[in-house]
N, C-alpha and C. Protein backbone atom coordinates (compact mmCIF):
# COMPACT_ATOMS: atom_id res chain seq x y z
N MET A 1 18.61 -57.70 1.85
CA MET A 1 18.91 -57.70 0.84
C MET A 1 17.66 -57.69 -0.19
N PHE A 2 16.65 -58.39 0.19
CA PHE A 2 14.92 -58.07 -0.71
C PHE A 2 14.14 -57.58 0.81
N LYS A 3 13.44 -56.71 0.41
CA LYS A 3 12.34 -56.40 1.01
C LYS A 3 10.95 -56.83 0.75
N LYS A 4 10.59 -57.06 -0.38
CA LYS A 4 9.51 -57.56 -0.80
C LYS A 4 9.61 -58.47 -2.12
N ILE A 5 8.94 -59.82 -1.55
CA ILE A 5 9.25 -60.70 -2.77
C ILE A 5 7.71 -61.02 -3.20
N MET A 6 7.25 -60.95 -4.46
CA MET A 6 6.10 -61.15 -5.28
C MET A 6 6.03 -62.72 -5.58
N VAL A 7 5.01 -63.58 -5.17
CA VAL A 7 4.92 -65.25 -5.71
C VAL A 7 3.64 -65.20 -6.56
N PRO A 8 3.70 -64.88 -7.95
CA PRO A 8 2.64 -65.29 -8.77
C PRO A 8 1.65 -66.51 -8.51
N VAL A 9 0.43 -66.60 -8.14
CA VAL A 9 -0.33 -68.02 -7.92
C VAL A 9 -1.23 -68.12 -8.42
N ASP A 10 -1.38 -69.27 -8.93
CA ASP A 10 -2.65 -69.80 -9.27
C ASP A 10 -3.39 -70.82 -8.40
N LEU A 11 -4.56 -70.14 -7.71
CA LEU A 11 -5.13 -70.91 -6.37
C LEU A 11 -5.78 -72.02 -7.31
N GLU A 12 -5.90 -72.47 -8.40
CA GLU A 12 -6.15 -73.77 -8.82
C GLU A 12 -5.19 -74.76 -8.82
N HIS A 13 -4.01 -74.46 -8.77
CA HIS A 13 -3.04 -75.72 -8.93
C HIS A 13 -2.11 -74.97 -7.52
N LEU A 14 -2.35 -74.85 -6.48
CA LEU A 14 -1.37 -74.75 -5.52
C LEU A 14 -0.39 -76.09 -5.03
N GLU A 15 -1.07 -76.86 -5.21
CA GLU A 15 -0.23 -78.20 -5.18
C GLU A 15 0.90 -78.14 -6.06
N LYS A 16 0.79 -77.70 -7.18
CA LYS A 16 1.90 -77.92 -8.16
C LYS A 16 2.97 -76.70 -7.84
N MET A 17 2.98 -75.67 -6.85
CA MET A 17 3.76 -74.71 -6.76
C MET A 17 4.06 -74.89 -5.09
N GLU A 18 4.15 -75.93 -4.57
CA GLU A 18 4.50 -76.45 -3.03
C GLU A 18 6.24 -75.93 -3.14
N ARG A 19 6.93 -76.38 -3.86
CA ARG A 19 8.40 -75.64 -3.83
C ARG A 19 8.44 -74.07 -4.00
N THR A 20 7.88 -73.56 -4.93
CA THR A 20 8.07 -72.30 -5.30
C THR A 20 7.43 -71.30 -3.79
N ARG A 21 6.56 -71.58 -3.40
CA ARG A 21 5.79 -71.26 -1.85
C ARG A 21 6.56 -71.42 -1.01
N GLN A 22 7.30 -72.62 -0.54
CA GLN A 22 8.30 -72.65 0.48
C GLN A 22 9.48 -72.01 0.35
N LEU A 23 9.89 -71.98 -0.98
CA LEU A 23 11.33 -71.33 -1.15
C LEU A 23 11.00 -69.56 -0.83
N ALA A 24 9.91 -69.23 -1.01
CA ALA A 24 9.57 -67.84 -1.09
C ALA A 24 9.59 -67.68 0.15
N VAL A 25 8.89 -68.47 1.27
CA VAL A 25 8.84 -68.53 2.68
C VAL A 25 10.01 -68.26 3.18
N GLU A 26 10.91 -69.10 2.98
CA GLU A 26 12.35 -69.47 3.06
C GLU A 26 13.40 -68.00 3.20
N LEU A 27 13.13 -67.59 1.84
CA LEU A 27 13.77 -65.99 1.68
C LEU A 27 13.01 -65.01 2.21
N ALA A 28 12.00 -64.99 2.57
CA ALA A 28 11.33 -63.90 3.28
C ALA A 28 11.87 -64.15 4.99
N ARG A 29 12.07 -65.07 5.11
CA ARG A 29 12.40 -65.37 6.69
C ARG A 29 13.82 -64.95 6.73
N GLN A 30 14.50 -65.27 5.89
CA GLN A 30 16.07 -64.95 5.67
C GLN A 30 16.37 -63.89 5.60
N TYR A 31 15.81 -62.64 4.93
CA TYR A 31 16.03 -61.45 4.61
C TYR A 31 14.83 -60.43 5.24
N GLY A 32 13.94 -60.84 6.16
CA GLY A 32 12.92 -60.15 6.86
C GLY A 32 11.86 -59.51 5.87
N ALA A 33 11.65 -60.16 4.98
CA ALA A 33 10.86 -59.69 3.36
C ALA A 33 9.45 -60.06 3.93
N ALA A 34 8.59 -59.01 3.07
CA ALA A 34 7.29 -59.53 3.14
C ALA A 34 6.70 -60.19 1.93
N VAL A 35 5.94 -61.06 1.79
CA VAL A 35 5.79 -61.82 0.68
C VAL A 35 4.29 -60.89 0.04
N CYS A 36 4.35 -61.02 -1.20
CA CYS A 36 2.97 -60.70 -1.78
C CYS A 36 2.67 -61.63 -2.94
N TYR A 37 1.47 -62.17 -2.85
CA TYR A 37 0.78 -63.31 -3.49
C TYR A 37 -0.13 -62.40 -4.72
N ALA A 38 0.19 -62.83 -5.92
CA ALA A 38 -0.22 -62.09 -7.06
C ALA A 38 -0.81 -62.92 -8.11
N THR A 39 -2.23 -62.75 -8.22
CA THR A 39 -2.87 -63.32 -9.34
C THR A 39 -3.44 -62.37 -10.26
N VAL A 40 -3.80 -63.11 -11.40
CA VAL A 40 -4.56 -62.64 -12.77
C VAL A 40 -5.79 -63.11 -12.75
N ALA A 41 -6.65 -62.43 -12.69
CA ALA A 41 -8.49 -63.10 -12.49
C ALA A 41 -8.83 -62.34 -14.06
N GLY A 42 -9.57 -63.56 -14.66
CA GLY A 42 -10.48 -63.38 -15.92
C GLY A 42 -12.10 -63.47 -15.38
N ARG A 43 -12.79 -62.83 -16.20
CA ARG A 43 -13.94 -62.86 -15.95
C ARG A 43 -14.86 -64.13 -15.86
N VAL A 44 -14.31 -65.16 -16.65
CA VAL A 44 -14.62 -66.51 -16.57
C VAL A 44 -14.84 -67.45 -15.54
N PRO A 45 -15.68 -67.80 -14.87
CA PRO A 45 -15.99 -68.48 -13.45
C PRO A 45 -14.89 -69.87 -13.84
N ASN A 46 -14.19 -70.03 -12.83
CA ASN A 46 -13.39 -71.35 -12.82
C ASN A 46 -13.43 -71.95 -11.64
N ARG A 47 -12.56 -73.17 -11.49
CA ARG A 47 -12.45 -73.98 -10.21
C ARG A 47 -12.07 -73.14 -9.21
N ALA A 48 -11.48 -72.00 -9.17
CA ALA A 48 -10.76 -71.46 -7.77
C ALA A 48 -12.01 -70.69 -7.51
N ALA A 49 -12.64 -69.73 -8.21
CA ALA A 49 -13.64 -68.66 -7.96
C ALA A 49 -14.90 -68.54 -8.94
N SER A 50 -15.71 -68.11 -8.38
CA SER A 50 -17.05 -67.88 -9.42
C SER A 50 -16.90 -66.76 -9.85
N SER A 51 -15.92 -65.19 -9.21
CA SER A 51 -15.97 -64.37 -9.97
C SER A 51 -14.71 -63.59 -9.59
N PRO A 52 -14.28 -62.66 -10.37
CA PRO A 52 -13.06 -61.85 -9.77
C PRO A 52 -12.98 -61.42 -8.37
N GLU A 53 -14.23 -61.08 -8.07
CA GLU A 53 -14.45 -60.93 -6.39
C GLU A 53 -13.99 -61.77 -5.52
N VAL A 54 -14.81 -63.06 -5.78
CA VAL A 54 -14.77 -64.15 -5.13
C VAL A 54 -13.06 -64.61 -4.76
N LEU A 55 -12.78 -64.53 -6.12
CA LEU A 55 -11.06 -64.88 -6.31
C LEU A 55 -10.03 -64.13 -5.41
N ALA A 56 -10.44 -62.63 -5.44
CA ALA A 56 -10.01 -61.75 -4.57
C ALA A 56 -9.56 -62.15 -2.89
N GLU A 57 -11.12 -62.42 -2.45
CA GLU A 57 -11.53 -62.88 -1.18
C GLU A 57 -10.81 -64.03 -0.80
N LYS A 58 -10.62 -65.24 -1.75
CA LYS A 58 -9.96 -66.37 -1.22
C LYS A 58 -8.61 -66.08 -1.24
N LEU A 59 -7.80 -65.31 -2.25
CA LEU A 59 -6.35 -64.96 -2.16
C LEU A 59 -6.08 -64.15 -1.02
N ASP A 60 -6.91 -63.33 -0.67
CA ASP A 60 -6.68 -62.14 0.85
C ASP A 60 -6.61 -63.67 1.97
N SER A 61 -7.50 -64.55 1.86
CA SER A 61 -7.46 -65.55 2.70
C SER A 61 -6.28 -66.39 2.85
N PHE A 62 -6.11 -66.96 1.60
CA PHE A 62 -4.68 -67.42 1.33
C PHE A 62 -3.74 -66.99 1.97
N ALA A 63 -3.09 -65.99 1.60
CA ALA A 63 -2.29 -64.81 2.05
C ALA A 63 -2.02 -64.68 3.31
N SER A 64 -3.16 -64.38 3.95
CA SER A 64 -3.45 -64.46 5.45
C SER A 64 -2.88 -65.80 6.57
N GLU A 65 -3.33 -66.93 5.71
CA GLU A 65 -3.02 -68.19 6.40
C GLU A 65 -1.87 -68.24 6.04
N GLU A 66 -1.01 -67.66 5.22
CA GLU A 66 0.39 -68.29 4.83
C GLU A 66 0.88 -67.66 5.78
N GLY A 67 0.54 -65.93 6.00
CA GLY A 67 1.42 -65.30 6.59
C GLY A 67 1.24 -65.53 8.26
N GLN A 68 0.05 -66.03 8.66
CA GLN A 68 0.13 -66.92 10.21
C GLN A 68 0.86 -68.08 10.30
N ARG A 69 0.67 -68.91 9.52
CA ARG A 69 1.39 -70.30 9.31
C ARG A 69 2.81 -69.87 9.31
N HIS A 70 3.23 -68.96 8.48
CA HIS A 70 5.06 -69.14 8.53
C HIS A 70 5.44 -67.94 9.15
N GLY A 71 4.72 -67.27 9.73
CA GLY A 71 5.26 -65.82 10.76
C GLY A 71 6.00 -65.28 9.60
N ILE A 72 5.40 -64.68 8.53
CA ILE A 72 5.91 -63.57 7.73
C ILE A 72 4.85 -62.62 7.37
N GLN A 73 5.03 -61.29 6.98
CA GLN A 73 4.02 -60.39 6.52
C GLN A 73 3.57 -60.87 4.94
N THR A 74 2.33 -60.81 4.83
CA THR A 74 1.87 -61.10 3.51
C THR A 74 1.16 -60.12 3.02
N GLU A 75 0.66 -60.07 1.82
CA GLU A 75 -0.24 -59.18 1.15
C GLU A 75 -0.85 -60.14 -0.10
N ALA A 76 -1.88 -59.63 -0.58
CA ALA A 76 -2.35 -60.09 -2.14
C ALA A 76 -2.80 -59.11 -3.06
N ILE A 77 -2.31 -59.42 -4.34
CA ILE A 77 -2.77 -58.44 -5.19
C ILE A 77 -3.68 -59.32 -6.37
N VAL A 78 -4.73 -58.89 -6.78
CA VAL A 78 -5.43 -59.59 -7.93
C VAL A 78 -5.59 -58.47 -8.99
N LYS A 79 -5.03 -58.91 -10.28
CA LYS A 79 -5.05 -58.01 -11.15
C LYS A 79 -6.37 -58.50 -12.25
N PRO A 80 -7.47 -57.67 -12.45
CA PRO A 80 -8.19 -58.40 -13.38
C PRO A 80 -7.85 -58.23 -14.76
N SER A 81 -8.35 -59.20 -15.66
CA SER A 81 -7.72 -59.26 -17.13
C SER A 81 -9.47 -59.62 -17.66
N THR A 82 -9.30 -59.02 -19.04
CA THR A 82 -10.29 -59.30 -19.94
C THR A 82 -9.99 -60.61 -20.37
N ASP A 83 -8.55 -60.86 -20.83
CA ASP A 83 -7.71 -62.16 -21.49
C ASP A 83 -6.53 -62.47 -20.73
N VAL A 84 -6.71 -63.33 -19.84
CA VAL A 84 -5.53 -63.76 -18.85
C VAL A 84 -4.44 -64.42 -19.98
N ILE A 85 -4.48 -64.87 -20.94
CA ILE A 85 -3.50 -65.61 -21.64
C ILE A 85 -2.37 -64.56 -22.50
N ILE A 86 -3.32 -63.28 -22.84
CA ILE A 86 -2.66 -62.50 -23.54
C ILE A 86 -2.15 -61.61 -22.70
N GLU A 87 -2.70 -61.33 -21.46
CA GLU A 87 -2.26 -60.26 -20.91
C GLU A 87 -1.40 -60.66 -19.40
N LEU A 88 -1.34 -61.90 -19.35
CA LEU A 88 -0.64 -62.40 -18.13
C LEU A 88 0.55 -61.77 -17.75
N ASP A 89 1.65 -61.56 -18.34
CA ASP A 89 2.67 -61.14 -18.32
C ASP A 89 2.75 -59.63 -17.73
N ARG A 90 2.22 -58.82 -18.96
CA ARG A 90 1.76 -57.17 -18.36
C ARG A 90 0.84 -57.08 -17.06
N LYS A 91 -0.16 -58.04 -16.60
CA LYS A 91 -0.71 -58.01 -15.67
C LYS A 91 0.44 -58.24 -14.45
N LEU A 92 0.97 -59.46 -14.42
CA LEU A 92 1.98 -59.43 -13.06
C LEU A 92 3.01 -58.56 -13.12
N LEU A 93 3.64 -57.95 -14.19
CA LEU A 93 4.38 -56.64 -14.13
C LEU A 93 4.05 -55.48 -13.40
N GLU A 94 2.59 -55.42 -13.52
CA GLU A 94 1.94 -54.65 -13.17
C GLU A 94 2.11 -54.72 -11.65
N ALA A 95 1.19 -55.87 -11.09
CA ALA A 95 1.70 -55.85 -9.90
C ALA A 95 2.66 -56.15 -9.41
N CYS A 96 3.77 -56.54 -9.72
CA CYS A 96 5.11 -56.34 -9.48
C CYS A 96 5.74 -54.88 -8.83
N SER A 97 5.13 -53.89 -9.70
CA SER A 97 5.29 -52.49 -9.40
C SER A 97 4.58 -52.06 -8.16
N GLU A 98 3.22 -52.60 -8.49
CA GLU A 98 2.31 -52.01 -7.44
C GLU A 98 2.87 -52.39 -6.00
N CYS A 99 3.18 -53.62 -6.02
CA CYS A 99 3.32 -53.89 -4.63
C CYS A 99 4.92 -53.79 -3.98
N GLY A 100 5.52 -53.00 -4.98
CA GLY A 100 7.00 -52.70 -4.90
C GLY A 100 8.04 -53.77 -4.66
N ALA A 101 7.80 -55.08 -5.29
CA ALA A 101 8.53 -56.24 -5.16
C ALA A 101 10.25 -55.77 -5.70
N ASP A 102 11.00 -56.33 -4.88
CA ASP A 102 12.39 -56.21 -5.39
C ASP A 102 13.18 -57.64 -6.11
N LEU A 103 12.24 -58.71 -5.86
CA LEU A 103 12.16 -60.17 -6.08
C LEU A 103 11.20 -60.81 -6.39
N VAL A 104 10.88 -61.49 -7.60
CA VAL A 104 9.79 -62.53 -7.79
C VAL A 104 10.16 -63.95 -7.77
N VAL A 105 9.63 -64.56 -6.91
CA VAL A 105 10.08 -66.13 -7.07
C VAL A 105 8.55 -66.52 -7.72
N MET A 106 9.07 -67.21 -9.05
CA MET A 106 7.77 -67.91 -9.61
C MET A 106 7.96 -69.16 -10.26
N ALA A 107 6.83 -69.90 -10.16
CA ALA A 107 6.59 -71.38 -10.45
C ALA A 107 6.85 -71.66 -12.26
N SER A 108 7.72 -72.28 -12.74
CA SER A 108 8.01 -72.62 -14.15
C SER A 108 6.84 -73.74 -13.99
N HIS A 109 6.03 -73.76 -15.14
CA HIS A 109 5.03 -74.49 -15.84
C HIS A 109 5.91 -76.26 -15.91
N ILE A 110 5.13 -76.87 -15.77
CA ILE A 110 5.96 -78.56 -15.76
C ILE A 110 6.11 -78.89 -17.22
N PRO A 111 7.24 -79.21 -17.70
CA PRO A 111 7.45 -79.30 -19.00
C PRO A 111 7.02 -80.48 -19.71
N GLY A 112 6.36 -80.67 -20.74
CA GLY A 112 5.69 -81.63 -21.42
C GLY A 112 5.97 -81.42 -22.81
N VAL A 113 5.22 -82.65 -23.81
CA VAL A 113 5.51 -82.56 -24.96
C VAL A 113 5.18 -81.11 -25.85
N ALA A 114 4.34 -80.28 -25.66
CA ALA A 114 4.08 -79.13 -25.91
C ALA A 114 5.40 -78.47 -26.10
N ASP A 115 6.13 -78.46 -24.68
CA ASP A 115 7.51 -77.85 -24.89
C ASP A 115 8.25 -77.94 -25.69
N ARG A 116 8.77 -79.39 -25.80
CA ARG A 116 9.31 -80.31 -27.12
C ARG A 116 9.41 -79.83 -28.40
N LEU A 117 7.92 -79.45 -28.85
CA LEU A 117 7.52 -78.96 -30.28
C LEU A 117 7.10 -77.73 -30.22
N HIS A 118 7.71 -77.02 -29.17
CA HIS A 118 7.57 -75.51 -29.30
C HIS A 118 6.11 -75.02 -29.38
N LEU A 119 5.07 -75.39 -28.95
CA LEU A 119 3.90 -75.41 -29.29
C LEU A 119 3.19 -74.17 -28.25
N ILE A 120 3.69 -74.06 -27.12
CA ILE A 120 3.54 -73.28 -26.21
C ILE A 120 4.83 -72.21 -25.54
N SER A 121 4.47 -71.08 -25.24
CA SER A 121 5.89 -70.22 -24.86
C SER A 121 5.72 -70.54 -23.12
N SER A 122 7.04 -69.85 -22.45
CA SER A 122 7.03 -70.20 -21.24
C SER A 122 6.76 -68.70 -20.82
N ASN A 123 5.47 -68.50 -19.69
CA ASN A 123 5.37 -67.45 -19.07
C ASN A 123 6.54 -66.88 -18.36
N ALA A 124 7.05 -67.91 -17.64
CA ALA A 124 8.13 -67.28 -16.75
C ALA A 124 9.39 -66.80 -17.76
N ALA A 125 9.96 -67.54 -19.11
CA ALA A 125 10.61 -67.01 -19.85
C ALA A 125 10.43 -65.48 -20.08
N ASP A 126 9.06 -65.30 -20.60
CA ASP A 126 8.57 -64.16 -21.13
C ASP A 126 8.87 -62.90 -20.16
N PHE A 127 8.53 -63.10 -18.86
CA PHE A 127 8.49 -62.17 -17.76
C PHE A 127 9.95 -62.13 -17.15
N VAL A 128 10.76 -62.86 -17.17
CA VAL A 128 12.05 -62.55 -16.90
C VAL A 128 12.74 -61.62 -18.07
N ARG A 129 12.17 -61.79 -19.22
CA ARG A 129 12.98 -60.96 -20.19
C ARG A 129 12.05 -59.37 -19.89
N LYS A 130 11.09 -59.18 -19.34
CA LYS A 130 10.40 -58.27 -19.12
C LYS A 130 10.55 -57.44 -17.93
N SER A 131 10.85 -58.25 -17.00
CA SER A 131 11.22 -57.58 -15.61
C SER A 131 12.19 -56.90 -15.59
N LYS A 132 11.81 -55.76 -14.42
CA LYS A 132 13.19 -54.98 -13.93
C LYS A 132 13.49 -55.26 -12.69
N VAL A 133 12.83 -56.36 -12.09
CA VAL A 133 13.65 -56.86 -10.67
C VAL A 133 14.29 -58.06 -11.11
N SER A 134 14.73 -58.85 -10.12
CA SER A 134 15.47 -59.99 -10.39
C SER A 134 14.13 -61.13 -10.10
N VAL A 135 14.39 -62.24 -10.86
CA VAL A 135 13.33 -63.29 -10.88
C VAL A 135 14.11 -64.45 -10.65
N LEU A 136 13.49 -65.29 -9.69
CA LEU A 136 13.80 -66.33 -9.42
C LEU A 136 12.94 -67.54 -9.95
N VAL A 137 13.09 -68.45 -11.03
CA VAL A 137 11.91 -69.54 -11.52
C VAL A 137 12.20 -70.65 -10.89
N VAL A 138 11.41 -71.09 -10.36
CA VAL A 138 11.50 -72.70 -9.60
C VAL A 138 10.81 -73.76 -10.56
N ARG A 139 11.40 -74.69 -10.80
CA ARG A 139 11.13 -76.05 -11.86
C ARG A 139 10.19 -76.92 -10.55
């Protein structure tokens, strides 16, 4: 049913994405699909990496380790961005197209006060509206 599953990841917050990552692995095993881990990298250093190049290396290593650990085929895509907050959806949609994903499994952000006050929008909801492929959002 699915051949390629894209999983947007933030290497700074992998612990918050455990359910999402596990579900993607289970679906990949069930359908014999490959998993493409994708991230959007800004130019500003963060806790995950000091540069987009270092982030690409770390994501490649992460994808390779996940593939070996779970016995699935994996790859990684890093989309550079000048403004991650503004370009996140567009860059993830580009990654989805580039890797040929026919399913996206993505984490929802953890609901909080800002959601109840409608101060921030949901990246997952925006992505679902714009995506041409199926999207499974994991809370």
